[in-house]
Amino acid sequence: MKKKLLPSFSLYLLLSSSFFFLACETESYETGQGEYSLMQTDLGELTVDGQRRGTSFVTDDGDSYALNAPYTAKWIETPDTTYRTLIYYNKVKDSQAELVAIGMIPTLKPLEHWKFKELPQDPLDIESAWLSKSGKYLNMGLLLKTGRIDDEEAAHTIGLAQDTLITHPDGHRTAYYRFLHDQNGSPEYYTNRRYVSILLPTEQRPDTIRLHVQTYSGLLERVFVP
Protein backbone atom coordinates (compact mmCIF):
# COMPACT_ATOMS: atom_id res chain seq x y z
CA MET A 1 0.00 0.00 0.00
CA LYS A 2 1.30 3.45 -0.86
CA LYS A 3 2.48 5.43 2.13
CA LYS A 4 0.59 8.59 2.96
CA LEU A 5 1.61 11.58 5.00
CA LEU A 6 -0.85 13.68 6.95
CA PRO A 7 -1.30 16.89 4.92
CA SER A 8 0.31 19.81 6.71
CA PHE A 9 2.48 22.85 6.21
CA SER A 10 5.51 20.59 6.73
CA LEU A 11 5.13 18.62 3.50
CA TYR A 12 6.43 19.31 0.02
CA LEU A 13 6.43 17.56 -3.31
CA LEU A 14 9.79 17.92 -5.05
CA LEU A 15 9.52 17.55 -8.82
CA SER A 16 12.78 16.39 -10.32
CA SER A 17 12.51 18.95 -13.13
CA SER A 18 12.21 21.88 -10.74
CA PHE A 19 14.57 24.85 -10.38
CA PHE A 20 16.65 23.50 -7.57
CA PHE A 21 19.46 21.98 -9.63
CA LEU A 22 21.23 25.31 -9.17
CA ALA A 23 24.14 25.28 -6.77
CA CYS A 24 23.63 27.31 -3.65
CA GLU A 25 27.24 28.00 -2.83
CA THR A 26 28.20 31.59 -3.63
CA GLU A 27 29.92 31.64 -7.01
CA SER A 28 31.20 34.47 -9.16
CA TYR A 29 31.25 34.67 -12.94
CA GLU A 30 33.04 37.40 -14.87
CA THR A 31 30.42 39.29 -16.91
CA GLY A 32 32.21 42.59 -17.44
CA GLN A 33 34.73 45.04 -16.04
CA GLY A 34 32.65 47.12 -13.65
CA GLU A 35 32.69 47.09 -9.85
CA TYR A 36 29.29 45.37 -9.73
CA SER A 37 29.69 43.02 -12.70
CA LEU A 38 30.08 39.73 -10.80
CA MET A 39 27.03 37.48 -10.67
CA GLN A 40 26.35 36.14 -7.20
CA THR A 41 24.24 33.29 -5.81
CA ASP A 42 22.59 33.32 -2.41
CA LEU A 43 19.79 31.82 -0.42
CA GLY A 44 17.51 34.53 0.89
CA GLU A 45 14.02 35.91 1.40
CA LEU A 46 12.19 37.66 -1.44
CA THR A 47 9.75 40.39 -0.38
CA VAL A 48 6.51 40.45 -2.41
CA ASP A 49 4.22 43.48 -2.59
CA GLY A 50 0.43 43.70 -2.78
CA GLN A 51 0.49 43.05 -6.52
CA ARG A 52 2.44 39.80 -6.07
CA ARG A 53 5.64 41.30 -7.42
CA GLY A 54 9.05 40.66 -5.95
CA THR A 55 10.57 44.02 -5.04
CA SER A 56 13.56 43.30 -2.79
CA PHE A 57 15.42 40.51 -1.05
CA VAL A 58 17.64 39.82 1.95
CA THR A 59 20.40 37.22 1.72
CA ASP A 60 21.29 34.77 4.46
CA ASP A 61 24.36 36.92 5.12
CA GLY A 62 22.05 39.84 5.98
CA ASP A 63 22.64 41.90 2.82
CA SER A 64 19.55 43.77 1.56
CA TYR A 65 18.90 44.69 -2.06
CA ALA A 66 16.09 46.46 -3.90
CA LEU A 67 15.37 45.01 -7.34
CA ASN A 68 15.96 47.38 -10.23
CA ALA A 69 12.77 45.95 -11.82
CA PRO A 70 9.80 44.19 -10.19
CA TYR A 71 9.79 40.42 -10.58
CA THR A 72 6.72 38.27 -11.33
CA ALA A 73 6.32 34.49 -11.55
CA LYS A 74 3.52 31.90 -11.47
CA TRP A 75 4.78 30.50 -8.18
CA ILE A 76 4.26 33.86 -6.44
CA GLU A 77 0.68 33.33 -5.30
CA THR A 78 0.41 35.30 -2.06
CA PRO A 79 0.66 39.11 -1.89
CA ASP A 80 2.38 41.06 0.90
CA THR A 81 4.59 38.21 2.08
CA THR A 82 8.08 36.77 1.76
CA TYR A 83 9.29 33.69 -0.10
CA ARG A 84 12.32 31.55 0.64
CA THR A 85 14.38 31.61 -2.55
CA LEU A 86 17.63 30.77 -4.30
CA ILE A 87 18.73 33.91 -6.11
CA TYR A 88 21.19 34.55 -8.94
CA TYR A 89 21.80 38.27 -9.27
CA ASN A 90 24.13 41.05 -10.35
CA LYS A 91 24.87 43.95 -8.04
CA VAL A 92 23.94 47.19 -9.77
CA LYS A 93 24.68 49.40 -6.77
CA ASP A 94 25.53 48.77 -3.15
CA SER A 95 21.83 48.37 -2.30
CA GLN A 96 20.36 47.50 -5.71
CA ALA A 97 20.43 44.26 -7.72
CA GLU A 98 19.41 42.89 -11.09
CA LEU A 99 17.91 39.39 -11.08
CA VAL A 100 19.44 36.76 -13.33
CA ALA A 101 17.44 33.75 -12.08
CA ILE A 102 15.37 32.94 -9.02
CA GLY A 103 13.36 29.99 -7.71
CA MET A 104 11.41 29.12 -4.58
CA ILE A 105 13.07 26.90 -2.00
CA PRO A 106 10.81 24.45 -0.13
CA THR A 107 10.66 25.41 3.55
CA LEU A 108 9.85 22.82 6.19
CA LYS A 109 8.73 23.42 9.75
CA PRO A 110 9.11 20.77 12.46
CA LEU A 111 5.82 19.08 13.28
CA GLU A 112 5.20 16.72 16.20
CA HIS A 113 5.62 13.15 15.00
CA TRP A 114 2.22 12.03 16.27
CA LYS A 115 0.51 14.38 13.81
CA PHE A 116 1.67 12.25 10.87
CA LYS A 117 -0.31 9.22 9.73
CA GLU A 118 2.87 7.59 8.45
CA LEU A 119 6.56 8.39 8.88
CA PRO A 120 8.25 7.21 5.66
CA GLN A 121 12.03 7.24 5.63
CA ASP A 122 13.03 6.15 2.16
CA PRO A 123 16.79 6.70 1.81
CA LEU A 124 18.39 9.73 0.23
CA ASP A 125 21.79 11.32 0.55
CA ILE A 126 22.82 14.63 2.11
CA GLU A 127 25.39 16.62 0.18
CA SER A 128 25.57 19.48 2.67
CA ALA A 129 23.79 20.97 5.67
CA TRP A 130 24.45 24.32 7.33
CA LEU A 131 22.86 27.01 9.46
CA SER A 132 22.14 30.41 7.98
CA LYS A 133 24.17 33.25 9.47
CA SER A 134 21.11 34.52 11.34
CA GLY A 135 20.33 31.06 12.73
CA LYS A 136 16.81 31.34 11.34
CA TYR A 137 17.19 28.50 8.85
CA LEU A 138 18.85 25.12 8.67
CA ASN A 139 19.65 24.51 5.00
CA MET A 140 20.13 21.13 3.36
CA GLY A 141 21.44 20.01 -0.01
CA LEU A 142 19.63 16.76 -0.87
CA LEU A 143 20.68 14.13 -3.41
CA LEU A 144 17.56 12.36 -4.69
CA LYS A 145 17.39 9.30 -6.96
CA THR A 146 15.08 9.60 -9.97
CA GLY A 147 14.17 7.72 -13.15
CA ARG A 148 15.54 10.32 -15.56
CA ILE A 149 17.73 13.36 -15.19
CA ASP A 150 14.86 15.61 -16.30
CA ASP A 151 11.93 13.46 -15.13
CA GLU A 152 8.89 15.74 -14.92
CA GLU A 153 6.55 13.18 -13.36
CA ALA A 154 8.65 11.75 -10.54
CA ALA A 155 7.80 13.53 -7.30
CA HIS A 156 9.37 12.99 -3.88
CA THR A 157 7.41 13.86 -0.75
CA ILE A 158 9.39 15.27 2.17
CA GLY A 159 8.55 16.37 5.68
CA LEU A 160 10.11 17.00 9.07
CA ALA A 161 8.97 15.29 12.27
CA GLN A 162 9.92 16.45 15.73
CA ASP A 163 10.30 13.29 17.78
CA THR A 164 10.84 15.10 21.07
CA LEU A 165 11.98 18.36 22.62
CA ILE A 166 13.91 17.88 25.86
CA THR A 167 14.41 20.68 28.36
CA HIS A 168 17.41 19.89 30.56
CA PRO A 169 17.71 20.96 34.22
CA ASP A 170 19.88 23.93 33.21
CA GLY A 171 17.19 25.13 30.78
CA HIS A 172 19.05 23.95 27.67
CA ARG A 173 16.66 22.60 25.00
CA THR A 174 17.53 19.73 22.66
CA ALA A 175 15.24 19.01 19.70
CA TYR A 176 15.26 15.66 17.90
CA TYR A 177 14.17 16.01 14.28
CA ARG A 178 13.53 13.20 11.81
CA PHE A 179 13.68 13.93 8.08
CA LEU A 180 10.83 12.22 6.23
CA HIS A 181 11.07 11.11 2.61
CA ASP A 182 8.69 9.17 0.37
CA GLN A 183 10.28 8.03 -2.90
CA ASN A 184 6.76 7.63 -4.34
CA GLY A 185 7.86 4.70 -6.46
CA SER A 186 10.31 6.71 -8.55
CA PRO A 187 13.13 4.61 -10.09
CA GLU A 188 16.60 5.24 -8.70
CA TYR A 189 18.75 5.54 -11.81
CA TYR A 190 19.99 9.12 -11.61
CA THR A 191 20.89 11.58 -8.87
CA ASN A 192 19.39 15.06 -8.74
CA ARG A 193 20.29 17.84 -6.31
CA ARG A 194 17.57 19.74 -4.44
CA TYR A 195 17.79 22.36 -1.71
CA VAL A 196 15.49 22.61 1.28
CA SER A 197 15.38 25.02 4.22
CA ILE A 198 14.10 24.22 7.70
CA LEU A 199 12.54 27.22 9.42
CA LEU A 200 13.55 26.94 13.06
CA PRO A 201 10.93 27.80 15.69
CA THR A 202 11.04 31.13 17.50
CA GLU A 203 9.05 29.85 20.49
CA GLN A 204 10.62 27.07 22.54
CA ARG A 205 13.62 27.51 20.31
CA PRO A 206 16.07 24.62 20.66
CA ASP A 207 19.65 25.28 21.73
CA THR A 208 20.78 22.06 20.06
CA ILE A 209 19.27 20.22 17.08
CA ARG A 210 19.90 16.54 16.47
CA LEU A 211 18.75 15.78 12.93
CA HIS A 212 18.31 12.16 11.82
CA VAL A 213 18.25 11.26 8.12
CA GLN A 214 18.00 7.80 6.58
CA THR A 215 20.68 7.64 3.87
CA TYR A 216 21.79 4.90 1.50
CA SER A 217 24.71 4.31 3.89
CA GLY A 218 22.50 4.02 6.95
CA LEU A 219 21.04 6.35 9.56
CA LEU A 220 22.88 9.67 9.73
CA GLU A 221 22.80 12.06 12.69
CA ARG A 222 23.91 15.68 12.32
CA VAL A 223 24.12 18.02 15.30
CA PHE A 224 23.61 21.78 15.02
CA VAL A 225 23.80 24.61 17.54
CA PRO A 226 21.75 27.58 16.28
C-alpha atoms as a PDB file:
ATOM      1  CA  MET A   1       0.000   0.000   0.000  1.00  0.00           C
ATOM      2  CA  LYS A   2       1.301   3.451  -0.857  1.00  0.00           C
ATOM      3  CA  LYS A   3       2.484   5.428   2.131  1.00  0.00           C
ATOM      4  CA  LYS A   4       0.590   8.594   2.959  1.00  0.00           C
ATOM      5  CA  LEU A   5       1.607  11.582   5.004  1.00  0.00           C
ATOM      6  CA  LEU A   6      -0.848  13.681   6.947  1.00  0.00           C
ATOM      7  CA  PRO A   7      -1.298  16.894   4.919  1.00  0.00           C
ATOM      8  CA  SER A   8       0.310  19.810   6.705  1.00  0.00           C
ATOM      9  CA  PHE A   9       2.484  22.850   6.213  1.00  0.00           C
ATOM     10  CA  SER A  10       5.514  20.585   6.727  1.00  0.00           C
ATOM     11  CA  LEU A  11       5.125  18.622   3.496  1.00  0.00           C
ATOM     12  CA  TYR A  12       6.426  19.313   0.019  1.00  0.00           C
ATOM     13  CA  LEU A  13       6.430  17.561  -3.312  1.00  0.00           C
ATOM     14  CA  LEU A  14       9.790  17.916  -5.055  1.00  0.00           C
ATOM     15  CA  LEU A  15       9.524  17.547  -8.823  1.00  0.00           C
ATOM     16  CA  SER A  16      12.782  16.388 -10.319  1.00  0.00           C
ATOM     17  CA  SER A  17      12.514  18.952 -13.127  1.00  0.00           C
ATOM     18  CA  SER A  18      12.215  21.884 -10.737  1.00  0.00           C
ATOM     19  CA  PHE A  19      14.570  24.847 -10.376  1.00  0.00           C
ATOM     20  CA  PHE A  20      16.651  23.496  -7.571  1.00  0.00           C
ATOM     21  CA  PHE A  21      19.456  21.980  -9.632  1.00  0.00           C
ATOM     22  CA  LEU A  22      21.228  25.309  -9.168  1.00  0.00           C
ATOM     23  CA  ALA A  23      24.144  25.278  -6.771  1.00  0.00           C
ATOM     24  CA  CYS A  24      23.627  27.314  -3.647  1.00  0.00           C
ATOM     25  CA  GLU A  25      27.245  28.005  -2.829  1.00  0.00           C
ATOM     26  CA  THR A  26      28.203  31.589  -3.630  1.00  0.00           C
ATOM     27  CA  GLU A  27      29.919  31.635  -7.010  1.00  0.00           C
ATOM     28  CA  SER A  28      31.200  34.472  -9.164  1.00  0.00           C
ATOM     29  CA  TYR A  29      31.251  34.668 -12.937  1.00  0.00           C
ATOM     30  CA  GLU A  30      33.043  37.398 -14.868  1.00  0.00           C
ATOM     31  CA  THR A  31      30.420  39.290 -16.912  1.00  0.00           C
ATOM     32  CA  GLY A  32      32.209  42.594 -17.436  1.00  0.00           C
ATOM     33  CA  GLN A  33      34.731  45.035 -16.042  1.00  0.00           C
ATOM     34  CA  GLY A  34      32.647  47.121 -13.648  1.00  0.00           C
ATOM     35  CA  GLU A  35      32.692  47.089  -9.854  1.00  0.00           C
ATOM     36  CA  TYR A  36      29.286  45.368  -9.732  1.00  0.00           C
ATOM     37  CA  SER A  37      29.693  43.023 -12.703  1.00  0.00           C
ATOM     38  CA  LEU A  38      30.084  39.726 -10.801  1.00  0.00           C
ATOM     39  CA  MET A  39      27.034  37.476 -10.666  1.00  0.00           C
ATOM     40  CA  GLN A  40      26.347  36.142  -7.197  1.00  0.00           C
ATOM     41  CA  THR A  41      24.244  33.294  -5.815  1.00  0.00           C
ATOM     42  CA  ASP A  42      22.589  33.317  -2.411  1.00  0.00           C
ATOM     43  CA  LEU A  43      19.788  31.819  -0.417  1.00  0.00           C
ATOM     44  CA  GLY A  44      17.505  34.532   0.886  1.00  0.00           C
ATOM     45  CA  GLU A  45      14.015  35.909   1.402  1.00  0.00           C
ATOM     46  CA  LEU A  46      12.187  37.659  -1.439  1.00  0.00           C
ATOM     47  CA  THR A  47       9.747  40.388  -0.383  1.00  0.00           C
ATOM     48  CA  VAL A  48       6.507  40.448  -2.407  1.00  0.00           C
ATOM     49  CA  ASP A  49       4.216  43.483  -2.594  1.00  0.00           C
ATOM     50  CA  GLY A  50       0.426  43.699  -2.776  1.00  0.00           C
ATOM     51  CA  GLN A  51       0.492  43.053  -6.519  1.00  0.00           C
ATOM     52  CA  ARG A  52       2.436  39.805  -6.075  1.00  0.00           C
ATOM     53  CA  ARG A  53       5.645  41.297  -7.424  1.00  0.00           C
ATOM     54  CA  GLY A  54       9.052  40.656  -5.955  1.00  0.00           C
ATOM     55  CA  THR A  55      10.565  44.020  -5.044  1.00  0.00           C
ATOM     56  CA  SER A  56      13.557  43.295  -2.790  1.00  0.00           C
ATOM     57  CA  PHE A  57      15.416  40.506  -1.053  1.00  0.00           C
ATOM     58  CA  VAL A  58      17.635  39.820   1.952  1.00  0.00           C
ATOM     59  CA  THR A  59      20.396  37.224   1.722  1.00  0.00           C
ATOM     60  CA  ASP A  60      21.288  34.772   4.464  1.00  0.00           C
ATOM     61  CA  ASP A  61      24.356  36.921   5.124  1.00  0.00           C
ATOM     62  CA  GLY A  62      22.051  39.836   5.978  1.00  0.00           C
ATOM     63  CA  ASP A  63      22.643  41.901   2.816  1.00  0.00           C
ATOM     64  CA  SER A  64      19.550  43.767   1.565  1.00  0.00           C
ATOM     65  CA  TYR A  65      18.897  44.691  -2.064  1.00  0.00           C
ATOM     66  CA  ALA A  66      16.093  46.455  -3.899  1.00  0.00           C
ATOM     67  CA  LEU A  67      15.373  45.010  -7.343  1.00  0.00           C
ATOM     68  CA  ASN A  68      15.962  47.378 -10.227  1.00  0.00           C
ATOM     69  CA  ALA A  69      12.773  45.954 -11.819  1.00  0.00           C
ATOM     70  CA  PRO A  70       9.799  44.194 -10.187  1.00  0.00           C
ATOM     71  CA  TYR A  71       9.788  40.418 -10.583  1.00  0.00           C
ATOM     72  CA  THR A  72       6.721  38.266 -11.327  1.00  0.00           C
ATOM     73  CA  ALA A  73       6.322  34.487 -11.552  1.00  0.00           C
ATOM     74  CA  LYS A  74       3.518  31.900 -11.474  1.00  0.00           C
ATOM     75  CA  TRP A  75       4.778  30.502  -8.185  1.00  0.00           C
ATOM     76  CA  ILE A  76       4.258  33.858  -6.441  1.00  0.00           C
ATOM     77  CA  GLU A  77       0.679  33.330  -5.301  1.00  0.00           C
ATOM     78  CA  THR A  78       0.408  35.305  -2.056  1.00  0.00           C
ATOM     79  CA  PRO A  79       0.665  39.109  -1.891  1.00  0.00           C
ATOM     80  CA  ASP A  80       2.376  41.057   0.903  1.00  0.00           C
ATOM     81  CA  THR A  81       4.586  38.212   2.083  1.00  0.00           C
ATOM     82  CA  THR A  82       8.080  36.767   1.763  1.00  0.00           C
ATOM     83  CA  TYR A  83       9.287  33.686  -0.099  1.00  0.00           C
ATOM     84  CA  ARG A  84      12.319  31.550   0.635  1.00  0.00           C
ATOM     85  CA  THR A  85      14.377  31.614  -2.547  1.00  0.00           C
ATOM     86  CA  LEU A  86      17.626  30.771  -4.296  1.00  0.00           C
ATOM     87  CA  ILE A  87      18.734  33.913  -6.112  1.00  0.00           C
ATOM     88  CA  TYR A  88      21.190  34.554  -8.943  1.00  0.00           C
ATOM     89  CA  TYR A  89      21.799  38.274  -9.275  1.00  0.00           C
ATOM     90  CA  ASN A  90      24.134  41.053 -10.350  1.00  0.00           C
ATOM     91  CA  LYS A  91      24.873  43.947  -8.037  1.00  0.00           C
ATOM     92  CA  VAL A  92      23.942  47.192  -9.769  1.00  0.00           C
ATOM     93  CA  LYS A  93      24.675  49.405  -6.772  1.00  0.00           C
ATOM     94  CA  ASP A  94      25.528  48.772  -3.146  1.00  0.00           C
ATOM     95  CA  SER A  95      21.832  48.371  -2.299  1.00  0.00           C
ATOM     96  CA  GLN A  96      20.358  47.496  -5.713  1.00  0.00           C
ATOM     97  CA  ALA A  97      20.430  44.265  -7.718  1.00  0.00           C
ATOM     98  CA  GLU A  98      19.405  42.891 -11.088  1.00  0.00           C
ATOM     99  CA  LEU A  99      17.913  39.390 -11.083  1.00  0.00           C
ATOM    100  CA  VAL A 100      19.443  36.758 -13.332  1.00  0.00           C
ATOM    101  CA  ALA A 101      17.437  33.747 -12.082  1.00  0.00           C
ATOM    102  CA  ILE A 102      15.373  32.943  -9.017  1.00  0.00           C
ATOM    103  CA  GLY A 103      13.364  29.990  -7.707  1.00  0.00           C
ATOM    104  CA  MET A 104      11.408  29.123  -4.584  1.00  0.00           C
ATOM    105  CA  ILE A 105      13.074  26.904  -1.997  1.00  0.00           C
ATOM    106  CA  PRO A 106      10.807  24.451  -0.126  1.00  0.00           C
ATOM    107  CA  THR A 107      10.657  25.408   3.547  1.00  0.00           C
ATOM    108  CA  LEU A 108       9.850  22.821   6.195  1.00  0.00           C
ATOM    109  CA  LYS A 109       8.733  23.421   9.750  1.00  0.00           C
ATOM    110  CA  PRO A 110       9.113  20.775  12.456  1.00  0.00           C
ATOM    111  CA  LEU A 111       5.816  19.078  13.281  1.00  0.00           C
ATOM    112  CA  GLU A 112       5.204  16.725  16.198  1.00  0.00           C
ATOM    113  CA  HIS A 113       5.617  13.150  15.003  1.00  0.00           C
ATOM    114  CA  TRP A 114       2.220  12.029  16.267  1.00  0.00           C
ATOM    115  CA  LYS A 115       0.506  14.378  13.811  1.00  0.00           C
ATOM    116  CA  PHE A 116       1.675  12.252  10.873  1.00  0.00           C
ATOM    117  CA  LYS A 117      -0.315   9.218   9.731  1.00  0.00           C
ATOM    118  CA  GLU A 118       2.871   7.592   8.453  1.00  0.00           C
ATOM    119  CA  LEU A 119       6.556   8.395   8.883  1.00  0.00           C
ATOM    120  CA  PRO A 120       8.251   7.214   5.661  1.00  0.00           C
ATOM    121  CA  GLN A 121      12.025   7.242   5.628  1.00  0.00           C
ATOM    122  CA  ASP A 122      13.027   6.153   2.159  1.00  0.00           C
ATOM    123  CA  PRO A 123      16.788   6.700   1.813  1.00  0.00           C
ATOM    124  CA  LEU A 124      18.393   9.733   0.233  1.00  0.00           C
ATOM    125  CA  ASP A 125      21.794  11.324   0.548  1.00  0.00           C
ATOM    126  CA  ILE A 126      22.816  14.627   2.108  1.00  0.00           C
ATOM    127  CA  GLU A 127      25.393  16.618   0.181  1.00  0.00           C
ATOM    128  CA  SER A 128      25.567  19.483   2.674  1.00  0.00           C
ATOM    129  CA  ALA A 129      23.792  20.975   5.672  1.00  0.00           C
ATOM    130  CA  TRP A 130      24.452  24.321   7.334  1.00  0.00           C
ATOM    131  CA  LEU A 131      22.865  27.009   9.458  1.00  0.00           C
ATOM    132  CA  SER A 132      22.144  30.411   7.982  1.00  0.00           C
ATOM    133  CA  LYS A 133      24.169  33.249   9.466  1.00  0.00           C
ATOM    134  CA  SER A 134      21.110  34.516  11.339  1.00  0.00           C
ATOM    135  CA  GLY A 135      20.328  31.056  12.728  1.00  0.00           C
ATOM    136  CA  LYS A 136      16.806  31.341  11.339  1.00  0.00           C
ATOM    137  CA  TYR A 137      17.186  28.498   8.848  1.00  0.00           C
ATOM    138  CA  LEU A 138      18.849  25.115   8.674  1.00  0.00           C
ATOM    139  CA  ASN A 139      19.646  24.515   5.002  1.00  0.00           C
ATOM    140  CA  MET A 140      20.129  21.133   3.361  1.00  0.00           C
ATOM    141  CA  GLY A 141      21.437  20.009  -0.007  1.00  0.00           C
ATOM    142  CA  LEU A 142      19.633  16.761  -0.874  1.00  0.00           C
ATOM    143  CA  LEU A 143      20.682  14.132  -3.413  1.00  0.00           C
ATOM    144  CA  LEU A 144      17.563  12.356  -4.685  1.00  0.00           C
ATOM    145  CA  LYS A 145      17.389   9.301  -6.957  1.00  0.00           C
ATOM    146  CA  THR A 146      15.076   9.603  -9.972  1.00  0.00           C
ATOM    147  CA  GLY A 147      14.174   7.716 -13.151  1.00  0.00           C
ATOM    148  CA  ARG A 148      15.538  10.318 -15.562  1.00  0.00           C
ATOM    149  CA  ILE A 149      17.731  13.361 -15.186  1.00  0.00           C
ATOM    150  CA  ASP A 150      14.860  15.610 -16.305  1.00  0.00           C
ATOM    151  CA  ASP A 151      11.929  13.457 -15.126  1.00  0.00           C
ATOM    152  CA  GLU A 152       8.885  15.743 -14.916  1.00  0.00           C
ATOM    153  CA  GLU A 153       6.552  13.176 -13.358  1.00  0.00           C
ATOM    154  CA  ALA A 154       8.649  11.746 -10.541  1.00  0.00           C
ATOM    155  CA  ALA A 155       7.803  13.526  -7.298  1.00  0.00           C
ATOM    156  CA  HIS A 156       9.369  12.987  -3.883  1.00  0.00           C
ATOM    157  CA  THR A 157       7.414  13.856  -0.746  1.00  0.00           C
ATOM    158  CA  ILE A 158       9.394  15.265   2.166  1.00  0.00           C
ATOM    159  CA  GLY A 159       8.553  16.373   5.683  1.00  0.00           C
ATOM    160  CA  LEU A 160      10.106  16.996   9.074  1.00  0.00           C
ATOM    161  CA  ALA A 161       8.967  15.292  12.265  1.00  0.00           C
ATOM    162  CA  GLN A 162       9.919  16.450  15.734  1.00  0.00           C
ATOM    163  CA  ASP A 163      10.298  13.293  17.782  1.00  0.00           C
ATOM    164  CA  THR A 164      10.844  15.103  21.066  1.00  0.00           C
ATOM    165  CA  LEU A 165      11.981  18.364  22.624  1.00  0.00           C
ATOM    166  CA  ILE A 166      13.905  17.882  25.856  1.00  0.00           C
ATOM    167  CA  THR A 167      14.410  20.679  28.364  1.00  0.00           C
ATOM    168  CA  HIS A 168      17.412  19.888  30.559  1.00  0.00           C
ATOM    169  CA  PRO A 169      17.707  20.964  34.215  1.00  0.00           C
ATOM    170  CA  ASP A 170      19.880  23.925  33.214  1.00  0.00           C
ATOM    171  CA  GLY A 171      17.189  25.133  30.776  1.00  0.00           C
ATOM    172  CA  HIS A 172      19.053  23.953  27.669  1.00  0.00           C
ATOM    173  CA  ARG A 173      16.662  22.598  25.000  1.00  0.00           C
ATOM    174  CA  THR A 174      17.530  19.734  22.659  1.00  0.00           C
ATOM    175  CA  ALA A 175      15.240  19.014  19.695  1.00  0.00           C
ATOM    176  CA  TYR A 176      15.258  15.664  17.900  1.00  0.00           C
ATOM    177  CA  TYR A 177      14.168  16.010  14.280  1.00  0.00           C
ATOM    178  CA  ARG A 178      13.535  13.196  11.815  1.00  0.00           C
ATOM    179  CA  PHE A 179      13.678  13.933   8.085  1.00  0.00           C
ATOM    180  CA  LEU A 180      10.827  12.215   6.231  1.00  0.00           C
ATOM    181  CA  HIS A 181      11.067  11.113   2.615  1.00  0.00           C
ATOM    182  CA  ASP A 182       8.689   9.166   0.374  1.00  0.00           C
ATOM    183  CA  GLN A 183      10.282   8.029  -2.898  1.00  0.00           C
ATOM    184  CA  ASN A 184       6.755   7.635  -4.344  1.00  0.00           C
ATOM    185  CA  GLY A 185       7.863   4.695  -6.463  1.00  0.00           C
ATOM    186  CA  SER A 186      10.306   6.707  -8.549  1.00  0.00           C
ATOM    187  CA  PRO A 187      13.129   4.610 -10.092  1.00  0.00           C
ATOM    188  CA  GLU A 188      16.595   5.241  -8.704  1.00  0.00           C
ATOM    189  CA  TYR A 189      18.749   5.536 -11.811  1.00  0.00           C
ATOM    190  CA  TYR A 190      19.994   9.121 -11.611  1.00  0.00           C
ATOM    191  CA  THR A 191      20.891  11.581  -8.871  1.00  0.00           C
ATOM    192  CA  ASN A 192      19.394  15.058  -8.743  1.00  0.00           C
ATOM    193  CA  ARG A 193      20.288  17.840  -6.313  1.00  0.00           C
ATOM    194  CA  ARG A 194      17.568  19.739  -4.441  1.00  0.00           C
ATOM    195  CA  TYR A 195      17.790  22.359  -1.709  1.00  0.00           C
ATOM    196  CA  VAL A 196      15.492  22.614   1.275  1.00  0.00           C
ATOM    197  CA  SER A 197      15.380  25.022   4.218  1.00  0.00           C
ATOM    198  CA  ILE A 198      14.098  24.216   7.702  1.00  0.00           C
ATOM    199  CA  LEU A 199      12.536  27.216   9.425  1.00  0.00           C
ATOM    200  CA  LEU A 200      13.552  26.939  13.062  1.00  0.00           C
ATOM    201  CA  PRO A 201      10.926  27.804  15.689  1.00  0.00           C
ATOM    202  CA  THR A 202      11.042  31.128  17.503  1.00  0.00           C
ATOM    203  CA  GLU A 203       9.053  29.854  20.488  1.00  0.00           C
ATOM    204  CA  GLN A 204      10.620  27.066  22.538  1.00  0.00           C
ATOM    205  CA  ARG A 205      13.624  27.508  20.308  1.00  0.00           C
ATOM    206  CA  PRO A 206      16.070  24.620  20.659  1.00  0.00           C
ATOM    207  CA  ASP A 207      19.650  25.280  21.728  1.00  0.00           C
ATOM    208  CA  THR A 208      20.778  22.056  20.056  1.00  0.00           C
ATOM    209  CA  ILE A 209      19.270  20.220  17.079  1.00  0.00           C
ATOM    210  CA  ARG A 210      19.901  16.541  16.474  1.00  0.00           C
ATOM    211  CA  LEU A 211      18.754  15.779  12.928  1.00  0.00           C
ATOM    212  CA  HIS A 212      18.312  12.164  11.817  1.00  0.00           C
ATOM    213  CA  VAL A 213      18.251  11.263   8.115  1.00  0.00           C
ATOM    214  CA  GLN A 214      17.997   7.802   6.577  1.00  0.00           C
ATOM    215  CA  THR A 215      20.675   7.640   3.872  1.00  0.00           C
ATOM    216  CA  TYR A 216      21.795   4.901   1.503  1.00  0.00           C
ATOM    217  CA  SER A 217      24.710   4.313   3.886  1.00  0.00           C
ATOM    218  CA  GLY A 218      22.503   4.024   6.949  1.00  0.00           C
ATOM    219  CA  LEU A 219      21.037   6.348   9.559  1.00  0.00           C
ATOM    220  CA  LEU A 220      22.879   9.667   9.733  1.00  0.00           C
ATOM    221  CA  GLU A 221      22.796  12.059  12.691  1.00  0.00           C
ATOM    222  CA  ARG A 222      23.913  15.684  12.324  1.00  0.00           C
ATOM    223  CA  VAL A 223      24.119  18.023  15.305  1.00  0.00           C
ATOM    224  CA  PHE A 224      23.614  21.779  15.020  1.00  0.00           C
ATOM    225  CA  VAL A 225      23.803  24.612  17.542  1.00  0.00           C
ATOM    226  CA  PRO A 226      21.749  27.582  16.278  1.00  0.00           C
END
